[in-house]
């Protein structure tokens, strides 16, 4: 963990603002803008880019991916510009938590993969690149977005030490735990052989 330098009040404010940013459901916004219907009634019911892709609209899926990742990027970069590293990690965690449990959707959010990757890229880009590469390779081999996310989340805590940012070890473990928690249904479908593959409408 980083050294605690920021006051408790500023850390609390950072958490709230980053959480609210993370709570913006861009998948739902894109679905409405592109006339795709209620995203929660499509495919897996998830509000993320993978489920948007199941509508067949690649542009909407791409925009959802970029915007969901951008939530993590913006939260981390603003915290880093204004405060110190302890607040940066609070912002990273809060933005991810906001996507998974958004106040605007009664705490029923997405799986957080895009926000997770964006957060890592802004927090410590070598770890972010490693996570993206692990996700991409696993996805290319298996065609399962969920499995790719699980493999990346499981390996990043070790990678963060190897690549030289051990102070983020606890954060990446916490994020990995949330990734696995949010993917419980996916893990059951993977074991049963019923998990839909990337691009399946």
Protein backbone atom coordinates (compact mmCIF):
# COMPACT_ATOMS: atom_id res chain seq x y z
CA UNK A 1 0.00 0.00 0.00
CA UNK A 2 1.16 3.58 -0.57
CA UNK A 3 2.09 5.86 2.31
CA UNK A 4 -0.98 7.64 3.67
CA UNK A 5 -0.36 11.34 3.06
CA UNK A 6 -3.80 12.74 2.20
CA UNK A 7 -6.24 13.79 4.91
CA UNK A 8 -9.20 11.55 5.64
CA UNK A 9 -11.65 14.20 4.44
CA UNK A 10 -9.91 14.55 1.07
CA UNK A 11 -9.71 10.78 0.69
CA UNK A 12 -13.45 10.55 1.39
CA UNK A 13 -14.19 13.29 -1.15
CA UNK A 14 -11.96 11.55 -3.70
CA UNK A 15 -13.80 8.30 -3.12
CA UNK A 16 -17.25 9.88 -3.58
CA UNK A 17 -16.37 11.80 -6.74
CA UNK A 18 -14.57 8.85 -8.36
CA UNK A 19 -17.43 6.54 -7.40
CA UNK A 20 -19.98 8.87 -9.02
CA UNK A 21 -17.87 9.04 -12.18
CA UNK A 22 -17.60 5.27 -12.24
CA UNK A 23 -21.35 4.97 -11.77
CA UNK A 24 -22.16 6.60 -15.13
CA UNK A 25 -23.64 3.67 -17.17
CA UNK A 26 -22.19 4.41 -20.60
CA UNK A 27 -23.43 1.10 -22.01
CA UNK A 28 -27.00 2.14 -21.23
CA UNK A 29 -26.34 5.60 -22.68
CA UNK A 30 -24.97 4.14 -25.93
CA UNK A 31 -27.84 1.65 -26.18
CA UNK A 32 -30.32 4.50 -25.93
CA UNK A 33 -28.45 6.76 -28.37
CA UNK A 34 -28.19 3.97 -30.96
CA UNK A 35 -31.77 2.77 -30.41
CA UNK A 36 -30.72 -0.67 -29.22
CA UNK A 37 -33.37 -1.06 -26.54
CA UNK A 38 -32.93 -1.90 -22.87
CA UNK A 39 -29.45 -3.38 -22.56
CA UNK A 40 -30.44 -5.22 -19.38
CA UNK A 41 -32.95 -7.26 -21.42
CA UNK A 42 -30.38 -8.27 -24.06
CA UNK A 43 -27.94 -11.18 -23.93
CA UNK A 44 -26.41 -11.46 -20.48
CA UNK A 45 -28.17 -8.32 -19.26
CA UNK A 46 -24.79 -6.75 -18.52
CA UNK A 47 -24.30 -3.02 -19.19
CA UNK A 48 -20.76 -3.39 -20.56
CA UNK A 49 -19.22 -3.36 -24.04
CA UNK A 50 -19.33 -7.14 -24.53
CA UNK A 51 -23.08 -7.20 -24.15
CA UNK A 52 -23.48 -4.11 -26.33
CA UNK A 53 -21.55 -6.03 -29.01
CA UNK A 54 -24.17 -8.77 -28.81
CA UNK A 55 -26.66 -6.30 -30.27
CA UNK A 56 -24.59 -6.34 -33.46
CA UNK A 57 -23.69 -2.65 -33.23
CA UNK A 58 -19.90 -2.53 -33.20
CA UNK A 59 -19.67 1.25 -33.00
CA UNK A 60 -21.86 1.35 -29.90
CA UNK A 61 -19.76 -1.42 -28.36
CA UNK A 62 -16.51 0.38 -29.18
CA UNK A 63 -17.75 3.66 -27.70
CA UNK A 64 -18.94 1.85 -24.58
CA UNK A 65 -15.53 0.21 -24.22
CA UNK A 66 -13.68 3.52 -24.57
CA UNK A 67 -15.99 5.45 -22.25
CA UNK A 68 -16.03 2.75 -19.56
CA UNK A 69 -12.23 2.54 -19.69
CA UNK A 70 -12.09 6.34 -19.67
CA UNK A 71 -13.87 6.49 -16.33
CA UNK A 72 -10.94 4.74 -14.69
CA UNK A 73 -8.38 6.78 -16.62
CA UNK A 74 -9.95 10.13 -15.72
CA UNK A 75 -10.41 9.26 -12.05
CA UNK A 76 -6.78 8.22 -11.67
CA UNK A 77 -5.26 11.08 -13.67
CA UNK A 78 -7.22 13.81 -11.89
CA UNK A 79 -6.37 12.37 -8.48
CA UNK A 80 -2.70 12.14 -9.46
CA UNK A 81 -2.66 15.74 -10.72
CA UNK A 82 -4.25 17.14 -7.58
CA UNK A 83 -3.34 14.82 -4.71
CA UNK A 84 -0.86 12.08 -3.80
CA UNK A 85 -0.58 8.37 -4.53
CA UNK A 86 -2.81 7.21 -1.70
CA UNK A 87 -5.67 9.28 -3.14
CA UNK A 88 -4.85 7.95 -6.62
CA UNK A 89 -5.43 4.39 -5.46
CA UNK A 90 -8.61 5.37 -3.63
CA UNK A 91 -9.86 6.98 -6.86
CA UNK A 92 -8.96 3.88 -8.86
CA UNK A 93 -10.84 1.58 -6.52
CA UNK A 94 -13.85 3.90 -6.22
CA UNK A 95 -14.26 4.33 -9.99
CA UNK A 96 -14.20 0.57 -10.46
CA UNK A 97 -16.64 0.08 -7.58
CA UNK A 98 -18.94 2.67 -9.10
CA UNK A 99 -19.10 0.80 -12.40
CA UNK A 100 -19.86 -2.50 -10.67
CA UNK A 101 -22.38 -1.03 -8.22
CA UNK A 102 -23.69 2.23 -9.75
CA UNK A 103 -25.96 4.36 -7.63
CA UNK A 104 -27.79 5.45 -10.80
CA UNK A 105 -28.90 1.87 -11.53
CA UNK A 106 -29.75 0.84 -7.97
CA UNK A 107 -26.30 -0.70 -7.57
CA UNK A 108 -26.81 -3.19 -10.44
CA UNK A 109 -23.86 -2.52 -12.69
CA UNK A 110 -21.43 -4.21 -15.01
CA UNK A 111 -18.54 -6.60 -14.62
CA UNK A 112 -16.00 -3.76 -14.68
CA UNK A 113 -13.48 -5.17 -17.16
CA UNK A 114 -13.07 -2.07 -19.34
CA UNK A 115 -12.94 0.20 -16.29
CA UNK A 116 -10.42 -2.17 -14.71
CA UNK A 117 -8.14 -2.03 -17.76
CA UNK A 118 -8.44 1.75 -18.05
CA UNK A 119 -7.67 2.16 -14.37
CA UNK A 120 -4.55 0.02 -14.63
CA UNK A 121 -3.31 1.84 -17.73
CA UNK A 122 -3.55 5.19 -15.96
CA UNK A 123 -2.28 3.90 -12.61
CA UNK A 124 0.83 2.13 -13.91
CA UNK A 125 0.94 1.71 -17.67
CA UNK A 126 3.27 -1.34 -17.80
CA UNK A 127 0.76 -3.30 -15.69
CA UNK A 128 -2.08 -1.96 -17.83
CA UNK A 129 -0.35 -3.08 -21.02
CA UNK A 130 0.31 -6.49 -19.45
CA UNK A 131 -3.35 -6.84 -18.46
CA UNK A 132 -4.55 -5.84 -21.94
CA UNK A 133 -2.11 -8.27 -23.55
CA UNK A 134 -3.20 -11.13 -21.28
CA UNK A 135 -6.85 -10.37 -22.01
CA UNK A 136 -6.25 -10.15 -25.76
CA UNK A 137 -4.25 -13.38 -26.00
CA UNK A 138 -6.74 -15.32 -23.88
CA UNK A 139 -9.66 -13.90 -25.88
CA UNK A 140 -8.01 -14.75 -29.19
CA UNK A 141 -7.48 -18.34 -28.07
CA UNK A 142 -10.75 -19.01 -26.25
CA UNK A 143 -13.19 -16.36 -27.59
CA UNK A 144 -14.48 -15.92 -24.04
CA UNK A 145 -14.43 -12.34 -22.73
CA UNK A 146 -15.20 -13.44 -19.18
CA UNK A 147 -12.39 -16.01 -19.04
CA UNK A 148 -9.97 -13.45 -20.47
CA UNK A 149 -10.88 -11.00 -17.72
CA UNK A 150 -10.49 -13.63 -15.02
CA UNK A 151 -7.06 -14.71 -16.28
CA UNK A 152 -5.87 -11.09 -16.51
CA UNK A 153 -7.18 -10.21 -13.05
CA UNK A 154 -5.53 -13.30 -11.55
CA UNK A 155 -2.12 -12.55 -13.07
CA UNK A 156 -1.90 -8.77 -12.65
CA UNK A 157 -1.18 -8.77 -8.87
CA UNK A 158 1.96 -10.81 -9.55
CA UNK A 159 2.82 -8.71 -12.60
CA UNK A 160 2.58 -5.49 -10.59
CA UNK A 161 5.40 -6.72 -8.33
CA UNK A 162 7.53 -7.97 -11.21
CA UNK A 163 7.12 -4.73 -13.15
CA UNK A 164 8.09 -2.53 -10.21
CA UNK A 165 5.07 -1.04 -8.44
CA UNK A 166 4.57 -3.16 -5.33
CA UNK A 167 2.66 -0.36 -3.57
CA UNK A 168 -0.29 -1.16 -5.85
CA UNK A 169 -0.28 -4.83 -4.91
CA UNK A 170 -3.10 -4.59 -2.39
CA UNK A 171 -5.22 -2.53 -4.79
CA UNK A 172 -4.82 -5.02 -7.63
CA UNK A 173 -5.72 -7.88 -5.28
CA UNK A 174 -8.87 -6.02 -4.23
CA UNK A 175 -9.79 -5.33 -7.85
CA UNK A 176 -9.16 -8.96 -8.76
CA UNK A 177 -11.42 -10.11 -5.93
CA UNK A 178 -14.20 -7.86 -7.26
CA UNK A 179 -13.65 -9.12 -10.83
CA UNK A 180 -14.06 -12.70 -9.65
CA UNK A 181 -17.09 -11.79 -7.54
CA UNK A 182 -18.77 -10.08 -10.49
CA UNK A 183 -18.05 -13.06 -12.75
CA UNK A 184 -19.49 -15.83 -10.58
CA UNK A 185 -22.34 -16.54 -13.00
CA UNK A 186 -19.87 -16.51 -15.90
CA UNK A 187 -17.65 -19.03 -14.12
CA UNK A 188 -20.62 -21.34 -13.65
CA UNK A 189 -21.49 -21.06 -17.35
CA UNK A 190 -17.88 -21.63 -18.35
CA UNK A 191 -17.82 -24.84 -16.33
CA UNK A 192 -21.15 -25.88 -17.84
CA UNK A 193 -20.04 -25.01 -21.39
CA UNK A 194 -22.88 -22.52 -21.88
CA UNK A 195 -20.98 -19.24 -21.73
CA UNK A 196 -21.54 -17.19 -24.94
CA UNK A 197 -18.46 -16.33 -26.94
CA UNK A 198 -17.34 -12.88 -28.07
CA UNK A 199 -19.45 -11.52 -30.91
CA UNK A 200 -22.31 -13.97 -30.47
CA UNK A 201 -25.58 -12.10 -30.85
